[in-house]
Amino acid sequence: MSEKNSRIPGFYKLNAYERLSKLKEFADLTDEELKIMESMSGIDIDDASNMIENAIGGISIPVGIATNFIINENEYLVPLATEEPSVIAACSNAAG
């Protein structure tokens, strides 16, 4: 098994379903866990993708993934809920 790396080139270019697939792979999620995440969304995933960067679902506001985080030498993908454009991109860029 290869080392996990939160630097995912082009993550922001992927559609929401491709992002979920990358998240599933990174976090070793089961199909059932992924379905739970998809079903909990209170917003259409395509609408969420039009509102924020790196959308993977939503709560009452869209939820996206900030990439490039290394904390105590561990790689992380950080979920962020925001309706403000560019917040997730700024976090990902700052972390990288």
Protein backbone atom coordinates (compact mmCIF):
# COMPACT_ATOMS: atom_id res chain seq x y z
CA MET A 1 0.00 0.00 0.00
CA SER A 2 1.39 3.39 -0.93
CA GLU A 3 1.73 6.30 1.47
CA LYS A 4 -1.22 8.64 1.62
CA ASN A 5 -0.67 12.04 0.07
CA SER A 6 -3.14 14.90 0.50
CA ARG A 7 -1.66 16.70 -2.50
CA ILE A 8 -4.10 15.72 -5.23
CA PRO A 9 -3.19 17.55 -8.45
CA GLY A 10 -6.26 18.80 -10.31
CA PHE A 11 -8.67 17.92 -7.48
CA TYR A 12 -10.51 21.17 -8.15
CA LYS A 13 -10.98 20.18 -11.81
CA LEU A 14 -12.76 16.91 -10.94
CA ASN A 15 -16.53 16.74 -10.83
CA ALA A 16 -18.15 16.08 -7.45
CA TYR A 17 -18.48 12.34 -8.06
CA GLU A 18 -14.81 12.02 -9.02
CA ARG A 19 -13.88 13.96 -5.86
CA LEU A 20 -15.93 11.55 -3.76
CA SER A 21 -14.09 8.67 -5.40
CA LYS A 22 -10.72 10.24 -4.48
CA LEU A 23 -11.96 10.84 -0.92
CA LYS A 24 -13.12 7.21 -0.68
CA GLU A 25 -9.69 6.03 -1.79
CA PHE A 26 -7.76 8.40 0.53
CA ALA A 27 -9.87 7.68 3.63
CA ASP A 28 -10.41 3.96 2.90
CA LEU A 29 -14.18 4.46 3.02
CA THR A 30 -16.48 1.55 2.28
CA ASP A 31 -19.19 1.79 -0.37
CA GLU A 32 -21.73 1.94 2.46
CA GLU A 33 -19.94 4.85 4.16
CA LEU A 34 -19.78 6.72 0.86
CA LYS A 35 -23.52 6.17 0.28
CA ILE A 36 -24.23 7.54 3.77
CA MET A 37 -22.22 10.66 2.97
CA GLU A 38 -24.07 11.11 -0.32
CA SER A 39 -27.50 10.61 1.28
CA MET A 40 -26.86 13.10 4.11
CA SER A 41 -26.49 16.00 1.74
CA GLY A 42 -29.21 18.62 2.05
CA ILE A 43 -28.25 20.08 -1.33
CA ASP A 44 -27.87 18.67 -4.82
CA ILE A 45 -24.21 17.83 -5.30
CA ASP A 46 -24.07 19.54 -8.69
CA ASP A 47 -25.51 22.73 -7.17
CA ALA A 48 -22.93 22.54 -4.38
CA SER A 49 -20.18 22.23 -7.01
CA ASN A 50 -21.39 25.45 -8.59
CA MET A 51 -21.20 27.26 -5.24
CA ILE A 52 -17.79 26.24 -3.80
CA GLU A 53 -14.51 24.59 -4.73
CA ASN A 54 -13.99 20.85 -4.25
CA ALA A 55 -17.60 20.11 -3.23
CA ILE A 56 -18.38 16.56 -2.11
CA GLY A 57 -21.85 17.14 -0.66
CA GLY A 58 -23.56 19.48 1.69
CA ILE A 59 -25.28 20.14 4.93
CA SER A 60 -27.37 23.28 5.13
CA ILE A 61 -24.41 24.85 3.30
CA PRO A 62 -22.00 23.15 0.88
CA VAL A 63 -19.19 20.97 2.21
CA GLY A 64 -15.89 20.81 0.33
CA ILE A 65 -12.43 19.34 0.86
CA ALA A 66 -9.28 21.36 1.53
CA THR A 67 -6.21 19.47 0.31
CA ASN A 68 -2.46 19.64 1.03
CA PHE A 69 -2.68 19.54 4.84
CA ILE A 70 0.21 17.91 6.70
CA ILE A 71 -0.20 18.00 10.48
CA ASN A 72 2.35 16.28 12.73
CA GLU A 73 3.72 14.52 9.63
CA ASN A 74 0.29 13.02 8.78
CA GLU A 75 -1.57 13.79 5.55
CA TYR A 76 -5.15 15.04 5.88
CA LEU A 77 -8.07 16.02 3.66
CA VAL A 78 -10.01 18.63 5.65
CA PRO A 79 -13.79 19.00 5.21
CA LEU A 80 -14.98 22.61 5.32
CA ALA A 81 -18.56 23.89 5.23
CA THR A 82 -18.84 27.33 3.61
CA GLU A 83 -20.92 29.34 1.20
CA GLU A 84 -18.08 31.75 0.54
CA PRO A 85 -16.32 31.23 -2.81
CA SER A 86 -12.55 30.71 -2.76
CA VAL A 87 -12.20 29.90 0.97
CA ILE A 88 -11.37 26.25 0.33
CA ALA A 89 -8.98 27.10 -2.50
CA ALA A 90 -7.21 29.62 -0.26
CA CYS A 91 -6.87 27.06 2.55
CA SER A 92 -5.54 24.42 0.17
CA ASN A 93 -3.04 26.83 -1.37
CA ALA A 94 -1.88 28.09 2.03
CA ALA A 95 -1.43 24.54 3.32
CA GLY A 96 0.58 23.51 0.26
